């Protein structure tokens, strides 16, 4: 997963539809928090061809974003991946 500029300067999270092993993603969970760790948002995204998500309504500053992916069998990618 990478972060790229989205509309109006919002962060756009971009990912591939498969893990490095070639297994297809089924679901992706994204959480974002302020620099002090306060959880401010979460989103579950069905990986049905979707390869990006715009995180909107953030104020200017530093944000911590964590993503967790699952395959069709519910297997998780392990620990959440900070972006």
PDB file of N, CA and C in Angstrom:
ATOM      1  N   UNK A   1       0.851  -1.161   0.000  1.00  0.00           N
ATOM      2  CA  UNK A   1       0.000   0.000   0.000  1.00  0.00           C
ATOM      3  C   UNK A   1       0.898   1.225   0.000  1.00  0.00           C
ATOM      4  N   UNK A   2       0.487   2.206  -0.766  1.00  0.00           N
ATOM      5  CA  UNK A   2       1.195   3.479  -0.806  1.00  0.00           C
ATOM      6  C   UNK A   2       0.197   4.613  -0.592  1.00  0.00           C
ATOM      7  N   UNK A   3       0.719   5.783  -0.344  1.00  0.00           N
ATOM      8  CA  UNK A   3      -0.110   6.973  -0.196  1.00  0.00           C
ATOM      9  C   UNK A   3       0.255   7.936  -1.313  1.00  0.00           C
ATOM     10  N   UNK A   4      -0.752   8.442  -1.999  1.00  0.00           N
ATOM     11  CA  UNK A   4      -0.562   9.396  -3.084  1.00  0.00           C
ATOM     12  C   UNK A   4      -1.518  10.564  -2.875  1.00  0.00           C
ATOM     13  N   UNK A   5      -1.222  11.715  -3.468  1.00  0.00           N
ATOM     14  CA  UNK A   5      -2.165  12.836  -3.347  1.00  0.00           C
ATOM     15  C   UNK A   5      -3.490  12.510  -4.022  1.00  0.00           C
ATOM     16  N   UNK A   6      -4.576  12.781  -3.324  1.00  0.00           N
ATOM     17  CA  UNK A   6      -5.911  12.604  -3.881  1.00  0.00           C
ATOM     18  C   UNK A   6      -6.517  13.955  -4.200  1.00  0.00           C
ATOM     19  N   UNK A   7      -7.813  13.998  -4.415  1.00  0.00           N
ATOM     20  CA  UNK A   7      -8.484  15.259  -4.716  1.00  0.00           C
ATOM     21  C   UNK A   7      -8.317  16.268  -3.583  1.00  0.00           C
ATOM     22  N   UNK A   8      -8.098  17.484  -3.932  1.00  0.00           N
ATOM     23  CA  UNK A   8      -7.985  18.577  -2.954  1.00  0.00           C
ATOM     24  C   UNK A   8      -6.900  18.318  -1.906  1.00  0.00           C
ATOM     25  N   UNK A   9      -5.896  17.516  -2.247  1.00  0.00           N
ATOM     26  CA  UNK A   9      -4.796  17.268  -1.324  1.00  0.00           C
ATOM     27  C   UNK A   9      -5.067  16.215  -0.275  1.00  0.00           C
ATOM     28  N   UNK A  10      -6.230  15.563  -0.315  1.00  0.00           N
ATOM     29  CA  UNK A  10      -6.512  14.504   0.651  1.00  0.00           C
ATOM     30  C   UNK A  10      -5.621  13.303   0.356  1.00  0.00           C
ATOM     31  N   UNK A  11      -5.271  12.519   1.372  1.00  0.00           N
ATOM     32  CA  UNK A  11      -4.451  11.339   1.115  1.00  0.00           C
ATOM     33  C   UNK A  11      -5.255  10.253   0.398  1.00  0.00           C
ATOM     34  N   UNK A  12      -4.669   9.681  -0.625  1.00  0.00           N
ATOM     35  CA  UNK A  12      -5.277   8.565  -1.353  1.00  0.00           C
ATOM     36  C   UNK A  12      -4.436   7.324  -1.084  1.00  0.00           C
ATOM     37  N   UNK A  13      -5.050   6.313  -0.473  1.00  0.00           N
ATOM     38  CA  UNK A  13      -4.387   5.033  -0.238  1.00  0.00           C
ATOM     39  C   UNK A  13      -4.550   4.182  -1.488  1.00  0.00           C
ATOM     40  N   UNK A  14      -3.474   3.600  -1.958  1.00  0.00           N
ATOM     41  CA  UNK A  14      -3.485   2.816  -3.198  1.00  0.00           C
ATOM     42  C   UNK A  14      -2.864   1.455  -2.910  1.00  0.00           C
ATOM     43  N   UNK A  15      -3.491   0.371  -3.404  1.00  0.00           N
ATOM     44  CA  UNK A  15      -2.980  -0.975  -3.144  1.00  0.00           C
ATOM     45  C   UNK A  15      -3.187  -1.872  -4.348  1.00  0.00           C
ATOM     46  N   UNK A  16      -2.526  -3.039  -4.297  1.00  0.00           N
ATOM     47  CA  UNK A  16      -2.687  -4.075  -5.326  1.00  0.00           C
ATOM     48  C   UNK A  16      -3.797  -5.018  -4.890  1.00  0.00           C
ATOM     49  N   UNK A  17      -4.379  -5.735  -5.839  1.00  0.00           N
ATOM     50  CA  UNK A  17      -5.494  -6.634  -5.527  1.00  0.00           C
ATOM     51  C   UNK A  17      -5.049  -8.024  -5.085  1.00  0.00           C
ATOM     52  N   UNK A  18      -3.755  -8.269  -5.053  1.00  0.00           N
ATOM     53  CA  UNK A  18      -3.248  -9.570  -4.588  1.00  0.00           C
ATOM     54  C   UNK A  18      -2.103  -9.353  -3.614  1.00  0.00           C
ATOM     55  N   UNK A  19      -1.902 -10.344  -2.745  1.00  0.00           N
ATOM     56  CA  UNK A  19      -0.723 -10.342  -1.890  1.00  0.00           C
ATOM     57  C   UNK A  19       0.457 -10.721  -2.768  1.00  0.00           C
ATOM     58  N   UNK A  20       1.652 -10.569  -2.267  1.00  0.00           N
ATOM     59  CA  UNK A  20       2.847 -10.936  -3.035  1.00  0.00           C
ATOM     60  C   UNK A  20       2.839 -12.410  -3.422  1.00  0.00           C
ATOM     61  N   UNK A  21       2.147 -13.239  -2.641  1.00  0.00           N
ATOM     62  CA  UNK A  21       2.053 -14.674  -2.934  1.00  0.00           C
ATOM     63  C   UNK A  21       1.126 -14.961  -4.112  1.00  0.00           C
ATOM     64  N   UNK A  22       0.364 -13.945  -4.545  1.00  0.00           N
ATOM     65  CA  UNK A  22      -0.590 -14.130  -5.635  1.00  0.00           C
ATOM     66  C   UNK A  22      -2.013 -14.355  -5.161  1.00  0.00           C
ATOM     67  N   UNK A  23      -2.221 -14.527  -3.848  1.00  0.00           N
ATOM     68  CA  UNK A  23      -3.555 -14.721  -3.291  1.00  0.00           C
ATOM     69  C   UNK A  23      -4.353 -13.420  -3.393  1.00  0.00           C
ATOM     70  N   UNK A  24      -5.582 -13.527  -3.861  1.00  0.00           N
ATOM     71  CA  UNK A  24      -6.415 -12.337  -4.051  1.00  0.00           C
ATOM     72  C   UNK A  24      -6.908 -11.787  -2.718  1.00  0.00           C
ATOM     73  N   UNK A  25      -6.958 -10.471  -2.616  1.00  0.00           N
ATOM     74  CA  UNK A  25      -7.550  -9.814  -1.455  1.00  0.00           C
ATOM     75  C   UNK A  25      -9.067  -9.895  -1.542  1.00  0.00           C
ATOM     76  N   UNK A  26      -9.730 -10.049  -0.405  1.00  0.00           N
ATOM     77  CA  UNK A  26     -11.189 -10.036  -0.367  1.00  0.00           C
ATOM     78  C   UNK A  26     -11.679  -8.789   0.363  1.00  0.00           C
ATOM     79  N   UNK A  27     -11.039  -8.457   1.457  1.00  0.00           N
ATOM     80  CA  UNK A  27     -11.435  -7.304   2.263  1.00  0.00           C
ATOM     81  C   UNK A  27     -10.205  -6.581   2.770  1.00  0.00           C
ATOM     82  N   UNK A  28     -10.363  -5.294   2.967  1.00  0.00           N
ATOM     83  CA  UNK A  28      -9.289  -4.456   3.483  1.00  0.00           C
ATOM     84  C   UNK A  28      -9.887  -3.563   4.556  1.00  0.00           C
ATOM     85  N   UNK A  29      -9.233  -3.482   5.701  1.00  0.00           N
ATOM     86  CA  UNK A  29      -9.663  -2.593   6.776  1.00  0.00           C
ATOM     87  C   UNK A  29      -8.602  -1.518   6.944  1.00  0.00           C
ATOM     88  N   UNK A  30      -9.032  -0.279   6.980  1.00  0.00           N
ATOM     89  CA  UNK A  30      -8.124   0.850   7.125  1.00  0.00           C
ATOM     90  C   UNK A  30      -8.550   1.647   8.352  1.00  0.00           C
ATOM     91  N   UNK A  31      -7.583   1.987   9.194  1.00  0.00           N
ATOM     92  CA  UNK A  31      -7.848   2.823  10.366  1.00  0.00           C
ATOM     93  C   UNK A  31      -6.879   3.990  10.335  1.00  0.00           C
ATOM     94  N   UNK A  32      -7.323   5.167  10.798  1.00  0.00           N
ATOM     95  CA  UNK A  32      -6.419   6.301  10.882  1.00  0.00           C
ATOM     96  C   UNK A  32      -6.560   6.969  12.229  1.00  0.00           C
ATOM     97  N   UNK A  33      -5.437   7.481  12.697  1.00  0.00           N
ATOM     98  CA  UNK A  33      -5.375   8.101  14.020  1.00  0.00           C
ATOM     99  C   UNK A  33      -4.487   9.331  13.955  1.00  0.00           C
ATOM    100  N   UNK A  34      -4.696  10.222  14.905  1.00  0.00           N
ATOM    101  CA  UNK A  34      -3.851  11.404  14.997  1.00  0.00           C
ATOM    102  C   UNK A  34      -2.479  10.984  15.503  1.00  0.00           C
ATOM    103  N   UNK A  35      -1.540  11.916  15.470  1.00  0.00           N
ATOM    104  CA  UNK A  35      -0.177  11.600  15.875  1.00  0.00           C
ATOM    105  C   UNK A  35      -0.102  11.129  17.324  1.00  0.00           C
ATOM    106  N   UNK A  36      -1.037  11.569  18.173  1.00  0.00           N
ATOM    107  CA  UNK A  36      -1.024  11.128  19.567  1.00  0.00           C
ATOM    108  C   UNK A  36      -1.703   9.769  19.754  1.00  0.00           C
ATOM    109  N   UNK A  37      -2.140   9.140  18.661  1.00  0.00           N
ATOM    110  CA  UNK A  37      -2.689   7.793  18.722  1.00  0.00           C
ATOM    111  C   UNK A  37      -4.186   7.698  18.895  1.00  0.00           C
ATOM    112  N   UNK A  38      -4.892   8.822  18.958  1.00  0.00           N
ATOM    113  CA  UNK A  38      -6.346   8.782  19.116  1.00  0.00           C
ATOM    114  C   UNK A  38      -6.986   8.318  17.809  1.00  0.00           C
ATOM    115  N   UNK A  39      -7.697   7.175  17.851  1.00  0.00           N
ATOM    116  CA  UNK A  39      -8.371   6.636  16.672  1.00  0.00           C
ATOM    117  C   UNK A  39      -9.478   7.586  16.244  1.00  0.00           C
ATOM    118  N   UNK A  40      -9.422   8.008  14.979  1.00  0.00           N
ATOM    119  CA  UNK A  40     -10.398   8.973  14.500  1.00  0.00           C
ATOM    120  C   UNK A  40     -11.248   8.452  13.347  1.00  0.00           C
ATOM    121  N   UNK A  41     -10.898   7.325  12.792  1.00  0.00           N
ATOM    122  CA  UNK A  41     -11.716   6.810  11.706  1.00  0.00           C
ATOM    123  C   UNK A  41     -11.327   5.414  11.308  1.00  0.00           C
ATOM    124  N   UNK A  42     -12.268   4.719  10.708  1.00  0.00           N
ATOM    125  CA  UNK A  42     -12.017   3.379  10.208  1.00  0.00           C
ATOM    126  C   UNK A  42     -12.919   3.133   9.017  1.00  0.00           C
ATOM    127  N   UNK A  43     -12.472   2.304   8.108  1.00  0.00           N
ATOM    128  CA  UNK A  43     -13.277   1.964   6.944  1.00  0.00           C
ATOM    129  C   UNK A  43     -12.974   0.541   6.524  1.00  0.00           C
ATOM    130  N   UNK A  44     -14.008  -0.219   6.211  1.00  0.00           N
ATOM    131  CA  UNK A  44     -13.848  -1.549   5.623  1.00  0.00           C
ATOM    132  C   UNK A  44     -14.160  -1.434   4.145  1.00  0.00           C
ATOM    133  N   UNK A  45     -13.269  -1.969   3.335  1.00  0.00           N
ATOM    134  CA  UNK A  45     -13.381  -1.815   1.890  1.00  0.00           C
ATOM    135  C   UNK A  45     -13.399  -3.198   1.253  1.00  0.00           C
ATOM    136  N   UNK A  46     -14.438  -3.498   0.485  1.00  0.00           N
ATOM    137  CA  UNK A  46     -14.488  -4.759  -0.258  1.00  0.00           C
ATOM    138  C   UNK A  46     -13.513  -4.650  -1.428  1.00  0.00           C
ATOM    139  N   UNK A  47     -12.625  -5.605  -1.546  1.00  0.00           N
ATOM    140  CA  UNK A  47     -11.622  -5.577  -2.613  1.00  0.00           C
ATOM    141  C   UNK A  47     -12.204  -6.197  -3.877  1.00  0.00           C
ATOM    142  N   UNK A  48     -13.240  -5.587  -4.385  1.00  0.00           N
ATOM    143  CA  UNK A  48     -13.938  -6.083  -5.575  1.00  0.00           C
ATOM    144  C   UNK A  48     -13.471  -5.341  -6.822  1.00  0.00           C
ATOM    145  N   UNK A  49     -12.185  -5.139  -6.920  1.00  0.00           N
ATOM    146  CA  UNK A  49     -11.630  -4.368  -8.018  1.00  0.00           C
ATOM    147  C   UNK A  49     -11.235  -2.977  -7.594  1.00  0.00           C
ATOM    148  N   UNK A  50     -11.599  -2.599  -6.373  1.00  0.00           N
ATOM    149  CA  UNK A  50     -11.228  -1.294  -5.847  1.00  0.00           C
ATOM    150  C   UNK A  50      -9.749  -1.306  -5.499  1.00  0.00           C
ATOM    151  N   UNK A  51      -9.016  -0.298  -5.952  1.00  0.00           N
ATOM    152  CA  UNK A  51      -7.579  -0.238  -5.667  1.00  0.00           C
ATOM    153  C   UNK A  51      -7.152   1.057  -4.985  1.00  0.00           C
ATOM    154  N   UNK A  52      -8.118   1.869  -4.569  1.00  0.00           N
ATOM    155  CA  UNK A  52      -7.743   3.090  -3.865  1.00  0.00           C
ATOM    156  C   UNK A  52      -8.882   3.552  -2.959  1.00  0.00           C
ATOM    157  N   UNK A  53      -8.520   4.387  -2.002  1.00  0.00           N
ATOM    158  CA  UNK A  53      -9.487   4.942  -1.065  1.00  0.00           C
ATOM    159  C   UNK A  53      -8.998   6.321  -0.670  1.00  0.00           C
ATOM    160  N   UNK A  54      -9.850   7.336  -0.763  1.00  0.00           N
ATOM    161  CA  UNK A  54      -9.512   8.694  -0.357  1.00  0.00           C
ATOM    162  C   UNK A  54      -9.964   8.911   1.084  1.00  0.00           C
ATOM    163  N   UNK A  55      -9.019   9.232   1.957  1.00  0.00           N
ATOM    164  CA  UNK A  55      -9.336   9.523   3.350  1.00  0.00           C
ATOM    165  C   UNK A  55      -9.685  11.007   3.418  1.00  0.00           C
ATOM    166  N   UNK A  56     -10.954  11.307   3.656  1.00  0.00           N
ATOM    167  CA  UNK A  56     -11.417  12.692   3.629  1.00  0.00           C
ATOM    168  C   UNK A  56     -11.626  13.233   5.037  1.00  0.00           C
ATOM    169  N   UNK A  57     -11.886  14.507   5.125  1.00  0.00           N
ATOM    170  CA  UNK A  57     -12.202  15.194   6.382  1.00  0.00           C
ATOM    171  C   UNK A  57     -11.067  15.165   7.400  1.00  0.00           C
ATOM    172  N   UNK A  58      -9.822  15.140   6.928  1.00  0.00           N
ATOM    173  CA  UNK A  58      -8.688  15.219   7.836  1.00  0.00           C
ATOM    174  C   UNK A  58      -8.203  16.661   7.907  1.00  0.00           C
ATOM    175  N   UNK A  59      -7.829  17.078   9.095  1.00  0.00           N
ATOM    176  CA  UNK A  59      -7.225  18.389   9.225  1.00  0.00           C
ATOM    177  C   UNK A  59      -5.750  18.283   8.863  1.00  0.00           C
ATOM    178  N   UNK A  60      -5.120  19.403   8.623  1.00  0.00           N
ATOM    179  CA  UNK A  60      -3.706  19.418   8.294  1.00  0.00           C
ATOM    180  C   UNK A  60      -2.904  18.866   9.466  1.00  0.00           C
ATOM    181  N   UNK A  61      -1.889  18.067   9.187  1.00  0.00           N
ATOM    182  CA  UNK A  61      -1.054  17.518  10.249  1.00  0.00           C
ATOM    183  C   UNK A  61      -0.539  16.142   9.885  1.00  0.00           C
ATOM    184  N   UNK A  62      -0.002  15.451  10.863  1.00  0.00           N
ATOM    185  CA  UNK A  62       0.539  14.108  10.683  1.00  0.00           C
ATOM    186  C   UNK A  62      -0.489  13.095  11.159  1.00  0.00           C
ATOM    187  N   UNK A  63      -0.723  12.079  10.321  1.00  0.00           N
ATOM    188  CA  UNK A  63      -1.704  11.034  10.630  1.00  0.00           C
ATOM    189  C   UNK A  63      -1.044   9.675  10.539  1.00  0.00           C
ATOM    190  N   UNK A  64      -1.482   8.751  11.363  1.00  0.00           N
ATOM    191  CA  UNK A  64      -1.019   7.371  11.318  1.00  0.00           C
ATOM    192  C   UNK A  64      -2.120   6.539  10.688  1.00  0.00           C
ATOM    193  N   UNK A  65      -1.761   5.773   9.655  1.00  0.00           N
ATOM    194  CA  UNK A  65      -2.724   4.947   8.939  1.00  0.00           C
ATOM    195  C   UNK A  65      -2.261   3.495   9.016  1.00  0.00           C
ATOM    196  N   UNK A  66      -3.182   2.596   9.330  1.00  0.00           N
ATOM    197  CA  UNK A  66      -2.881   1.165   9.421  1.00  0.00           C
ATOM    198  C   UNK A  66      -3.870   0.417   8.545  1.00  0.00           C
ATOM    199  N   UNK A  67      -3.352  -0.540   7.766  1.00  0.00           N
ATOM    200  CA  UNK A  67      -4.208  -1.352   6.896  1.00  0.00           C
ATOM    201  C   UNK A  67      -4.038  -2.832   7.232  1.00  0.00           C
ATOM    202  N   UNK A  68      -5.145  -3.568   7.203  1.00  0.00           N
ATOM    203  CA  UNK A  68      -5.137  -5.010   7.401  1.00  0.00           C
ATOM    204  C   UNK A  68      -5.943  -5.637   6.272  1.00  0.00           C
ATOM    205  N   UNK A  69      -5.380  -6.666   5.622  1.00  0.00           N
ATOM    206  CA  UNK A  69      -6.055  -7.322   4.500  1.00  0.00           C
ATOM    207  C   UNK A  69      -6.424  -8.757   4.853  1.00  0.00           C
ATOM    208  N   UNK A  70      -7.518  -9.243   4.235  1.00  0.00           N
ATOM    209  CA  UNK A  70      -7.949 -10.632   4.383  1.00  0.00           C
ATOM    210  C   UNK A  70      -8.184 -11.224   3.007  1.00  0.00           C
ATOM    211  N   UNK A  71      -7.967 -12.556   2.891  1.00  0.00           N
ATOM    212  CA  UNK A  71      -8.318 -13.235   1.647  1.00  0.00           C
ATOM    213  C   UNK A  71      -9.730 -13.801   1.767  1.00  0.00           C
ATOM    214  N   UNK A  72     -10.205 -14.486   0.752  1.00  0.00           N
ATOM    215  CA  UNK A  72     -11.580 -15.005   0.722  1.00  0.00           C
ATOM    216  C   UNK A  72     -11.860 -16.009   1.828  1.00  0.00           C
ATOM    217  N   UNK A  73     -10.822 -16.653   2.369  1.00  0.00           N
ATOM    218  CA  UNK A  73     -10.985 -17.621   3.460  1.00  0.00           C
ATOM    219  C   UNK A  73     -10.911 -16.975   4.830  1.00  0.00           C
ATOM    220  N   UNK A  74     -10.736 -15.648   4.876  1.00  0.00           N
ATOM    221  CA  UNK A  74     -10.654 -14.941   6.135  1.00  0.00           C
ATOM    222  C   UNK A  74      -9.252 -14.884   6.717  1.00  0.00           C
ATOM    223  N   UNK A  75      -8.265 -15.438   6.004  1.00  0.00           N
ATOM    224  CA  UNK A  75      -6.891 -15.376   6.478  1.00  0.00           C
ATOM    225  C   UNK A  75      -6.405 -13.935   6.418  1.00  0.00           C
ATOM    226  N   UNK A  76      -5.746 -13.534   7.486  1.00  0.00           N
ATOM    227  CA  UNK A  76      -5.275 -12.151   7.606  1.00  0.00           C
ATOM    228  C   UNK A  76      -3.814 -12.082   7.192  1.00  0.00           C
ATOM    229  N   UNK A  77      -3.384 -10.903   6.809  1.00  0.00           N
ATOM    230  CA  UNK A  77      -1.994 -10.722   6.403  1.00  0.00           C
ATOM    231  C   UNK A  77      -1.052 -10.660   7.573  1.00  0.00           C
ATOM    232  N   UNK A  78      -1.526 -10.945   8.778  1.00  0.00           N
ATOM    233  CA  UNK A  78      -0.683 -10.869   9.956  1.00  0.00           C
ATOM    234  C   UNK A  78      -0.924  -9.555  10.661  1.00  0.00           C
ATOM    235  N   UNK A  79       0.144  -8.965  11.152  1.00  0.00           N
ATOM    236  CA  UNK A  79       0.027  -7.689  11.852  1.00  0.00           C
ATOM    237  C   UNK A  79      -0.412  -6.585  10.900  1.00  0.00           C
ATOM    238  N   UNK A  80      -1.194  -5.630  11.388  1.00  0.00           N
ATOM    239  CA  UNK A  80      -1.568  -4.501  10.539  1.00  0.00           C
ATOM    240  C   UNK A  80      -0.329  -3.794  10.006  1.00  0.00           C
ATOM    241  N   UNK A  81      -0.421  -3.297   8.802  1.00  0.00           N
ATOM    242  CA  UNK A  81       0.702  -2.659   8.132  1.00  0.00           C
ATOM    243  C   UNK A  81       0.552  -1.145   8.237  1.00  0.00           C
ATOM    244  N   UNK A  82       1.513  -0.475   8.913  1.00  0.00           N
ATOM    245  CA  UNK A  82       1.446   0.986   8.948  1.00  0.00           C
ATOM    246  C   UNK A  82       1.786   1.559   7.576  1.00  0.00           C
ATOM    247  N   UNK A  83       1.094   2.607   7.187  1.00  0.00           N
ATOM    248  CA  UNK A  83       1.314   3.226   5.868  1.00  0.00           C
ATOM    249  C   UNK A  83       1.917   4.600   6.083  1.00  0.00           C
TER     250      UNK A  83
END
